[in-house]
Amino acid sequence: MVGEVAQPGGEASGFGRIRYGHSVSTSELMAAEDAGWGELHALMDSLSPEDAERPGYYPEGWSAKDVLAHVGSCDVDAMNDQFLEALKDVPLQTVRAQAWSARTRMLQAWGALGDLPDEARFWIRKAGAEHYDEHLPRLREWVEELRSG
């Protein structure tokens, strides 16, 4: 199924697969989500457990582990502080497992929808590729900072 998706300015996803504001298929939405998820975890897997938990990703004290917990929680912006506090002391391996579990459940729910209504397309973008696009540039920088020094 092909549907219209919108983002101000019709900007392309960081994965170069979707041009927002243009018609895209369900498979394109899912491919963009999968590409973002893959890069997120490749970057996380490149970090030692100590580096993954080192504060500095954001000035507020976030670590790469905190970003993974945030992305894997399917939270909403108003709840970010609550999730950060609740997950701060959770071990990295538990955060990774929780993120994978949340994504698996999300993909199962999307798959059960069949033909995607516009509201579902919006949430697939928001919880998937767009959310990853929001965090991957800084995560790339942070991983590079940690590697160099």
N, C-alpha and C. Protein backbone atom coordinates (compact mmCIF):
# COMPACT_ATOMS: atom_id res chain seq x y z
N MET A 1 0.85 -1.18 0.00
CA MET A 1 0.00 0.00 0.00
C MET A 1 0.88 1.23 0.00
N VAL A 2 0.50 2.25 -0.73
CA VAL A 2 1.23 3.49 -0.79
C VAL A 2 0.38 4.56 -0.15
N GLY A 3 1.00 5.41 0.65
CA GLY A 3 0.26 6.47 1.32
C GLY A 3 1.08 7.73 1.38
N GLU A 4 0.43 8.81 1.65
CA GLU A 4 1.11 10.10 1.76
C GLU A 4 1.63 10.27 3.18
N VAL A 5 2.87 10.66 3.29
CA VAL A 5 3.44 10.98 4.58
C VAL A 5 3.94 12.40 4.51
N ALA A 6 3.92 13.08 5.64
CA ALA A 6 4.29 14.49 5.61
C ALA A 6 5.30 14.81 6.67
N GLN A 7 6.23 15.63 6.28
CA GLN A 7 7.17 16.22 7.21
C GLN A 7 7.46 17.60 6.65
N PRO A 8 7.55 18.61 7.49
CA PRO A 8 7.79 19.95 6.98
C PRO A 8 8.98 19.98 6.03
N GLY A 9 8.78 20.59 4.89
CA GLY A 9 9.86 20.74 3.94
C GLY A 9 10.11 19.52 3.08
N GLY A 10 9.42 18.43 3.33
CA GLY A 10 9.62 17.24 2.53
C GLY A 10 11.04 16.72 2.58
N GLU A 11 11.68 16.82 3.73
CA GLU A 11 13.08 16.44 3.84
C GLU A 11 13.26 14.94 3.78
N ALA A 12 14.41 14.52 3.28
CA ALA A 12 14.70 13.09 3.19
C ALA A 12 15.18 12.56 4.52
N SER A 13 14.85 11.31 4.79
CA SER A 13 15.35 10.63 5.97
C SER A 13 16.86 10.54 5.88
N GLY A 14 17.52 10.45 7.03
CA GLY A 14 18.96 10.29 7.06
C GLY A 14 19.41 9.01 6.39
N PHE A 15 18.51 8.10 6.11
CA PHE A 15 18.87 6.84 5.48
C PHE A 15 18.72 6.90 3.98
N GLY A 16 18.26 8.05 3.46
CA GLY A 16 18.17 8.22 2.03
C GLY A 16 17.14 7.33 1.35
N ARG A 17 16.29 6.68 2.09
CA ARG A 17 15.31 5.78 1.50
C ARG A 17 13.93 6.41 1.39
N ILE A 18 13.66 7.37 2.22
CA ILE A 18 12.32 7.96 2.23
C ILE A 18 12.44 9.46 2.03
N ARG A 19 11.63 9.98 1.17
CA ARG A 19 11.53 11.42 1.02
C ARG A 19 10.18 11.80 1.59
N TYR A 20 10.20 12.36 2.80
CA TYR A 20 8.96 12.70 3.49
C TYR A 20 8.20 13.76 2.70
N GLY A 21 6.90 13.65 2.75
CA GLY A 21 6.05 14.55 1.98
C GLY A 21 5.69 13.96 0.63
N HIS A 22 6.22 12.78 0.33
CA HIS A 22 5.94 12.08 -0.92
C HIS A 22 5.34 10.72 -0.58
N SER A 23 4.71 10.10 -1.56
CA SER A 23 4.12 8.79 -1.35
C SER A 23 5.21 7.77 -1.09
N VAL A 24 5.01 6.94 -0.08
CA VAL A 24 5.94 5.87 0.24
C VAL A 24 5.16 4.61 0.54
N SER A 25 5.77 3.50 0.28
CA SER A 25 5.13 2.22 0.55
C SER A 25 5.41 1.78 1.98
N THR A 26 4.62 0.82 2.42
CA THR A 26 4.85 0.24 3.74
C THR A 26 6.24 -0.36 3.80
N SER A 27 6.67 -1.02 2.74
CA SER A 27 7.99 -1.63 2.75
C SER A 27 9.10 -0.58 2.86
N GLU A 28 8.91 0.59 2.28
CA GLU A 28 9.90 1.67 2.42
C GLU A 28 9.95 2.18 3.86
N LEU A 29 8.77 2.32 4.49
CA LEU A 29 8.74 2.74 5.89
C LEU A 29 9.47 1.73 6.77
N MET A 30 9.20 0.45 6.55
CA MET A 30 9.83 -0.59 7.34
C MET A 30 11.33 -0.68 7.07
N ALA A 31 11.73 -0.49 5.82
CA ALA A 31 13.16 -0.53 5.48
C ALA A 31 13.91 0.61 6.17
N ALA A 32 13.30 1.79 6.22
CA ALA A 32 13.93 2.93 6.89
C ALA A 32 14.05 2.66 8.39
N GLU A 33 13.01 2.08 8.97
CA GLU A 33 13.07 1.74 10.39
C GLU A 33 14.18 0.72 10.64
N ASP A 34 14.26 -0.29 9.80
CA ASP A 34 15.26 -1.34 9.95
C ASP A 34 16.68 -0.80 9.79
N ALA A 35 16.89 0.09 8.84
CA ALA A 35 18.21 0.67 8.63
C ALA A 35 18.63 1.50 9.85
N GLY A 36 17.72 2.29 10.37
CA GLY A 36 18.03 3.09 11.55
C GLY A 36 18.33 2.24 12.77
N TRP A 37 17.53 1.20 12.97
CA TRP A 37 17.74 0.27 14.08
C TRP A 37 19.10 -0.40 13.95
N GLY A 38 19.43 -0.81 12.74
CA GLY A 38 20.72 -1.47 12.51
C GLY A 38 21.89 -0.56 12.83
N GLU A 39 21.82 0.68 12.38
CA GLU A 39 22.92 1.61 12.67
C GLU A 39 23.00 1.94 14.15
N LEU A 40 21.86 2.15 14.78
CA LEU A 40 21.84 2.42 16.21
C LEU A 40 22.57 1.32 16.98
N HIS A 41 22.26 0.09 16.66
CA HIS A 41 22.87 -1.03 17.40
C HIS A 41 24.31 -1.29 16.98
N ALA A 42 24.66 -1.02 15.75
CA ALA A 42 26.07 -1.14 15.35
C ALA A 42 26.92 -0.15 16.14
N LEU A 43 26.42 1.06 16.29
CA LEU A 43 27.16 2.06 17.08
C LEU A 43 27.23 1.65 18.54
N MET A 44 26.12 1.20 19.09
CA MET A 44 26.13 0.76 20.49
C MET A 44 27.06 -0.42 20.69
N ASP A 45 27.04 -1.37 19.77
CA ASP A 45 27.88 -2.56 19.89
C ASP A 45 29.36 -2.23 19.76
N SER A 46 29.68 -1.09 19.17
CA SER A 46 31.08 -0.70 19.02
C SER A 46 31.66 -0.13 20.31
N LEU A 47 30.80 0.14 21.28
CA LEU A 47 31.25 0.73 22.55
C LEU A 47 31.49 -0.35 23.60
N SER A 48 32.48 -0.13 24.43
CA SER A 48 32.65 -0.99 25.59
C SER A 48 31.50 -0.69 26.56
N PRO A 49 31.20 -1.60 27.48
CA PRO A 49 30.15 -1.30 28.46
C PRO A 49 30.44 -0.02 29.25
N GLU A 50 31.71 0.22 29.55
CA GLU A 50 32.06 1.44 30.30
C GLU A 50 31.77 2.69 29.47
N ASP A 51 32.16 2.67 28.18
CA ASP A 51 31.89 3.83 27.33
C ASP A 51 30.40 4.02 27.10
N ALA A 52 29.66 2.94 26.97
CA ALA A 52 28.22 3.04 26.75
C ALA A 52 27.52 3.72 27.92
N GLU A 53 28.09 3.60 29.11
CA GLU A 53 27.48 4.19 30.30
C GLU A 53 28.12 5.51 30.73
N ARG A 54 29.10 5.98 29.97
CA ARG A 54 29.78 7.23 30.32
C ARG A 54 28.89 8.43 30.00
N PRO A 55 28.61 9.28 30.98
CA PRO A 55 27.80 10.49 30.72
C PRO A 55 28.53 11.43 29.76
N GLY A 56 27.74 12.20 29.03
CA GLY A 56 28.30 13.19 28.13
C GLY A 56 27.63 13.23 26.77
N TYR A 57 26.83 12.25 26.49
CA TYR A 57 26.09 12.23 25.22
C TYR A 57 25.30 13.52 25.07
N TYR A 58 24.59 13.89 26.12
CA TYR A 58 23.93 15.18 26.22
C TYR A 58 24.48 15.90 27.44
N PRO A 59 24.49 17.23 27.43
CA PRO A 59 25.00 17.98 28.59
C PRO A 59 24.27 17.65 29.89
N GLU A 60 23.01 17.21 29.78
CA GLU A 60 22.24 16.88 30.99
C GLU A 60 22.74 15.60 31.65
N GLY A 61 23.73 14.96 31.08
CA GLY A 61 24.31 13.77 31.69
C GLY A 61 23.91 12.46 31.05
N TRP A 62 23.23 12.50 29.92
CA TRP A 62 22.84 11.27 29.25
C TRP A 62 24.07 10.51 28.78
N SER A 63 23.97 9.20 28.77
CA SER A 63 24.98 8.33 28.19
C SER A 63 24.39 7.69 26.93
N ALA A 64 25.21 6.97 26.17
CA ALA A 64 24.68 6.22 25.02
C ALA A 64 23.66 5.20 25.50
N LYS A 65 23.90 4.58 26.64
CA LYS A 65 22.94 3.62 27.21
C LYS A 65 21.60 4.31 27.46
N ASP A 66 21.62 5.54 27.94
CA ASP A 66 20.38 6.28 28.19
C ASP A 66 19.61 6.52 26.90
N VAL A 67 20.33 6.80 25.80
CA VAL A 67 19.67 7.01 24.51
C VAL A 67 19.02 5.71 24.06
N LEU A 68 19.74 4.60 24.21
CA LEU A 68 19.17 3.30 23.85
C LEU A 68 17.92 3.00 24.68
N ALA A 69 17.97 3.29 25.96
CA ALA A 69 16.81 3.09 26.83
C ALA A 69 15.65 3.97 26.38
N HIS A 70 15.95 5.20 26.03
CA HIS A 70 14.93 6.14 25.56
C HIS A 70 14.27 5.64 24.27
N VAL A 71 15.08 5.26 23.29
CA VAL A 71 14.56 4.79 22.02
C VAL A 71 13.79 3.49 22.21
N GLY A 72 14.30 2.61 23.08
CA GLY A 72 13.67 1.32 23.30
C GLY A 72 12.46 1.35 24.22
N SER A 73 12.13 2.50 24.74
CA SER A 73 11.00 2.60 25.65
C SER A 73 9.72 3.04 24.97
N CYS A 74 9.83 3.41 23.71
CA CYS A 74 8.65 3.91 22.98
C CYS A 74 7.94 4.96 23.82
N ASP A 75 8.73 5.83 24.42
CA ASP A 75 8.15 6.85 25.30
C ASP A 75 7.69 8.06 24.49
N VAL A 76 7.14 9.00 25.18
CA VAL A 76 6.76 10.26 24.58
C VAL A 76 7.57 11.36 25.24
N ASP A 77 7.75 12.45 24.52
CA ASP A 77 8.62 13.51 24.99
C ASP A 77 8.33 13.97 26.41
N ALA A 78 7.07 14.04 26.77
CA ALA A 78 6.71 14.52 28.11
C ALA A 78 7.20 13.59 29.21
N MET A 79 7.51 12.34 28.86
CA MET A 79 7.92 11.37 29.86
C MET A 79 9.43 11.09 29.86
N ASN A 80 10.20 11.78 29.02
CA ASN A 80 11.63 11.51 28.91
C ASN A 80 12.35 11.54 30.25
N ASP A 81 12.12 12.56 31.04
CA ASP A 81 12.81 12.67 32.33
C ASP A 81 12.47 11.51 33.26
N GLN A 82 11.21 11.10 33.26
CA GLN A 82 10.79 9.99 34.11
C GLN A 82 11.46 8.69 33.66
N PHE A 83 11.50 8.45 32.35
CA PHE A 83 12.16 7.25 31.85
C PHE A 83 13.64 7.27 32.13
N LEU A 84 14.27 8.41 31.93
CA LEU A 84 15.71 8.52 32.19
C LEU A 84 16.02 8.19 33.64
N GLU A 85 15.25 8.73 34.55
CA GLU A 85 15.47 8.47 35.98
C GLU A 85 15.21 7.00 36.31
N ALA A 86 14.14 6.45 35.78
CA ALA A 86 13.78 5.06 36.10
C ALA A 86 14.78 4.06 35.54
N LEU A 87 15.40 4.39 34.41
CA LEU A 87 16.30 3.44 33.75
C LEU A 87 17.78 3.72 34.00
N LYS A 88 18.09 4.76 34.75
CA LYS A 88 19.47 5.18 34.96
C LYS A 88 20.35 4.06 35.52
N ASP A 89 19.86 3.30 36.48
CA ASP A 89 20.66 2.28 37.14
C ASP A 89 20.43 0.87 36.58
N VAL A 90 19.67 0.77 35.51
CA VAL A 90 19.42 -0.53 34.89
C VAL A 90 20.67 -0.92 34.10
N PRO A 91 21.15 -2.15 34.24
CA PRO A 91 22.36 -2.57 33.52
C PRO A 91 22.19 -2.49 32.00
N LEU A 92 23.30 -2.23 31.32
CA LEU A 92 23.30 -2.08 29.87
C LEU A 92 22.68 -3.29 29.18
N GLN A 93 23.02 -4.49 29.58
CA GLN A 93 22.47 -5.68 28.92
C GLN A 93 20.95 -5.76 29.08
N THR A 94 20.43 -5.31 30.19
CA THR A 94 18.98 -5.29 30.40
C THR A 94 18.35 -4.24 29.50
N VAL A 95 18.99 -3.08 29.37
CA VAL A 95 18.49 -2.03 28.49
C VAL A 95 18.47 -2.53 27.05
N ARG A 96 19.54 -3.22 26.63
CA ARG A 96 19.57 -3.77 25.26
C ARG A 96 18.43 -4.76 25.06
N ALA A 97 18.23 -5.66 26.00
CA ALA A 97 17.16 -6.65 25.88
C ALA A 97 15.80 -5.98 25.85
N GLN A 98 15.60 -4.97 26.67
CA GLN A 98 14.33 -4.25 26.70
C GLN A 98 14.09 -3.53 25.38
N ALA A 99 15.14 -2.93 24.80
CA ALA A 99 14.99 -2.22 23.53
C ALA A 99 14.60 -3.20 22.41
N TRP A 100 15.28 -4.34 22.37
CA TRP A 100 14.94 -5.36 21.36
C TRP A 100 13.51 -5.87 21.57
N SER A 101 13.12 -6.09 22.79
CA SER A 101 11.78 -6.57 23.09
C SER A 101 10.72 -5.55 22.65
N ALA A 102 10.95 -4.29 22.96
CA ALA A 102 10.01 -3.24 22.58
C ALA A 102 9.89 -3.14 21.07
N ARG A 103 11.02 -3.25 20.36
CA ARG A 103 10.99 -3.18 18.90
C ARG A 103 10.24 -4.38 18.33
N THR A 104 10.51 -5.56 18.86
CA THR A 104 9.82 -6.76 18.37
C THR A 104 8.32 -6.61 18.53
N ARG A 105 7.89 -6.13 19.68
CA ARG A 105 6.46 -5.93 19.92
C ARG A 105 5.89 -4.87 18.97
N MET A 106 6.65 -3.80 18.75
CA MET A 106 6.21 -2.76 17.84
C MET A 106 6.04 -3.32 16.42
N LEU A 107 7.02 -4.11 15.94
CA LEU A 107 6.94 -4.67 14.60
C LEU A 107 5.78 -5.66 14.48
N GLN A 108 5.52 -6.43 15.53
CA GLN A 108 4.38 -7.35 15.53
C GLN A 108 3.07 -6.57 15.41
N ALA A 109 2.96 -5.49 16.14
CA ALA A 109 1.74 -4.68 16.10
C ALA A 109 1.56 -4.07 14.71
N TRP A 110 2.64 -3.57 14.15
CA TRP A 110 2.55 -3.00 12.80
C TRP A 110 2.14 -4.05 11.79
N GLY A 111 2.73 -5.24 11.91
CA GLY A 111 2.42 -6.32 10.97
C GLY A 111 0.97 -6.75 11.05
N ALA A 112 0.37 -6.66 12.21
CA ALA A 112 -1.02 -7.06 12.39
C ALA A 112 -2.00 -6.07 11.78
N LEU A 113 -1.53 -4.89 11.44
CA LEU A 113 -2.43 -3.86 10.92
C LEU A 113 -2.84 -4.10 9.47
N GLY A 114 -2.04 -4.88 8.72
CA GLY A 114 -2.36 -5.07 7.30
C GLY A 114 -2.13 -3.77 6.55
N ASP A 115 -3.16 -3.34 5.80
CA ASP A 115 -3.06 -2.05 5.10
C ASP A 115 -3.01 -0.94 6.14
N LEU A 116 -2.00 -0.12 6.02
CA LEU A 116 -1.76 0.88 7.07
C LEU A 116 -2.56 2.15 6.84
N PRO A 117 -3.38 2.50 7.83
CA PRO A 117 -4.04 3.81 7.75
C PRO A 117 -3.00 4.92 7.99
N ASP A 118 -3.36 6.14 7.63
CA ASP A 118 -2.44 7.26 7.76
C ASP A 118 -1.92 7.44 9.18
N GLU A 119 -2.77 7.24 10.18
CA GLU A 119 -2.32 7.38 11.57
C GLU A 119 -1.22 6.37 11.90
N ALA A 120 -1.35 5.15 11.40
CA ALA A 120 -0.31 4.13 11.64
C ALA A 120 0.98 4.53 10.95
N ARG A 121 0.90 5.05 9.74
CA ARG A 121 2.10 5.50 9.03
C ARG A 121 2.82 6.59 9.83
N PHE A 122 2.04 7.50 10.38
CA PHE A 122 2.62 8.57 11.20
C PHE A 122 3.41 7.97 12.36
N TRP A 123 2.83 7.02 13.08
CA TRP A 123 3.50 6.45 14.25
C TRP A 123 4.68 5.56 13.86
N ILE A 124 4.59 4.90 12.72
CA ILE A 124 5.74 4.11 12.25
C ILE A 124 6.93 5.04 12.01
N ARG A 125 6.66 6.16 11.36
CA ARG A 125 7.75 7.13 11.13
C ARG A 125 8.25 7.70 12.45
N LYS A 126 7.31 8.13 13.30
CA LYS A 126 7.70 8.81 14.54
C LYS A 126 8.46 7.90 15.48
N ALA A 127 8.01 6.66 15.64
CA ALA A 127 8.65 5.73 16.57
C ALA A 127 9.82 5.00 15.94
N GLY A 128 9.93 5.04 14.63
CA GLY A 128 10.98 4.31 13.93
C GLY A 128 12.03 5.24 13.34
N ALA A 129 12.02 5.35 12.03
CA ALA A 129 13.08 6.05 11.31
C ALA A 129 13.29 7.50 11.77
N GLU A 130 12.21 8.25 11.96
CA GLU A 130 12.38 9.65 12.39
C GLU A 130 13.01 9.73 13.78
N HIS A 131 12.61 8.82 14.67
CA HIS A 131 13.17 8.85 16.02
C HIS A 131 14.66 8.50 15.97
N TYR A 132 15.02 7.53 15.15
CA TYR A 132 16.44 7.18 15.02
C TYR A 132 17.20 8.35 14.40
N ASP A 133 16.62 8.96 13.35
CA ASP A 133 17.26 10.12 12.71
C ASP A 133 17.53 11.23 13.71
N GLU A 134 16.65 11.36 14.68
CA GLU A 134 16.79 12.39 15.70
C GLU A 134 18.02 12.16 16.58
N HIS A 135 18.36 10.89 16.83
CA HIS A 135 19.43 10.57 17.77
C HIS A 135 20.73 10.10 17.13
N LEU A 136 20.68 9.56 15.93
CA LEU A 136 21.89 8.99 15.34
C LEU A 136 23.01 9.99 15.08
N PRO A 137 22.74 11.21 14.62
CA PRO A 137 23.87 12.12 14.40
C PRO A 137 24.69 12.36 15.66
N ARG A 138 24.03 12.61 16.78
CA ARG A 138 24.78 12.83 18.02
C ARG A 138 25.44 11.54 18.50
N LEU A 139 24.78 10.39 18.34
CA LEU A 139 25.38 9.13 18.75
C LEU A 139 26.64 8.86 17.93
N ARG A 140 26.61 9.13 16.62
CA ARG A 140 27.82 8.98 15.79
C ARG A 140 28.94 9.85 16.33
N GLU A 141 28.63 11.12 16.61
CA GLU A 141 29.64 12.04 17.17
C GLU A 141 30.17 11.54 18.50
N TRP A 142 29.28 11.09 19.37
CA TRP A 142 29.67 10.65 20.70
C TRP A 142 30.58 9.42 20.64
N VAL A 143 30.23 8.47 19.78
CA VAL A 143 31.07 7.28 19.61
C VAL A 143 32.45 7.71 19.12
N GLU A 144 32.50 8.64 18.19
CA GLU A 144 33.79 9.12 17.67
C GLU A 144 34.58 9.82 18.77
N GLU A 145 33.92 10.65 19.59
CA GLU A 145 34.58 11.32 20.71
C GLU A 145 35.17 10.29 21.68
N LEU A 146 34.40 9.28 21.99
CA LEU A 146 34.87 8.24 22.92
C LEU A 146 36.06 7.47 22.35
N ARG A 147 36.02 7.18 21.06
CA ARG A 147 37.12 6.45 20.42
C ARG A 147 38.40 7.26 20.35
N SER A 148 38.26 8.56 20.16
CA SER A 148 39.45 9.39 19.98
C SER A 148 40.00 9.91 21.30
N GLY A 149 39.29 9.63 22.35
CA GLY A 149 39.89 10.05 23.48
C GLY A 149 39.71 10.33 24.79
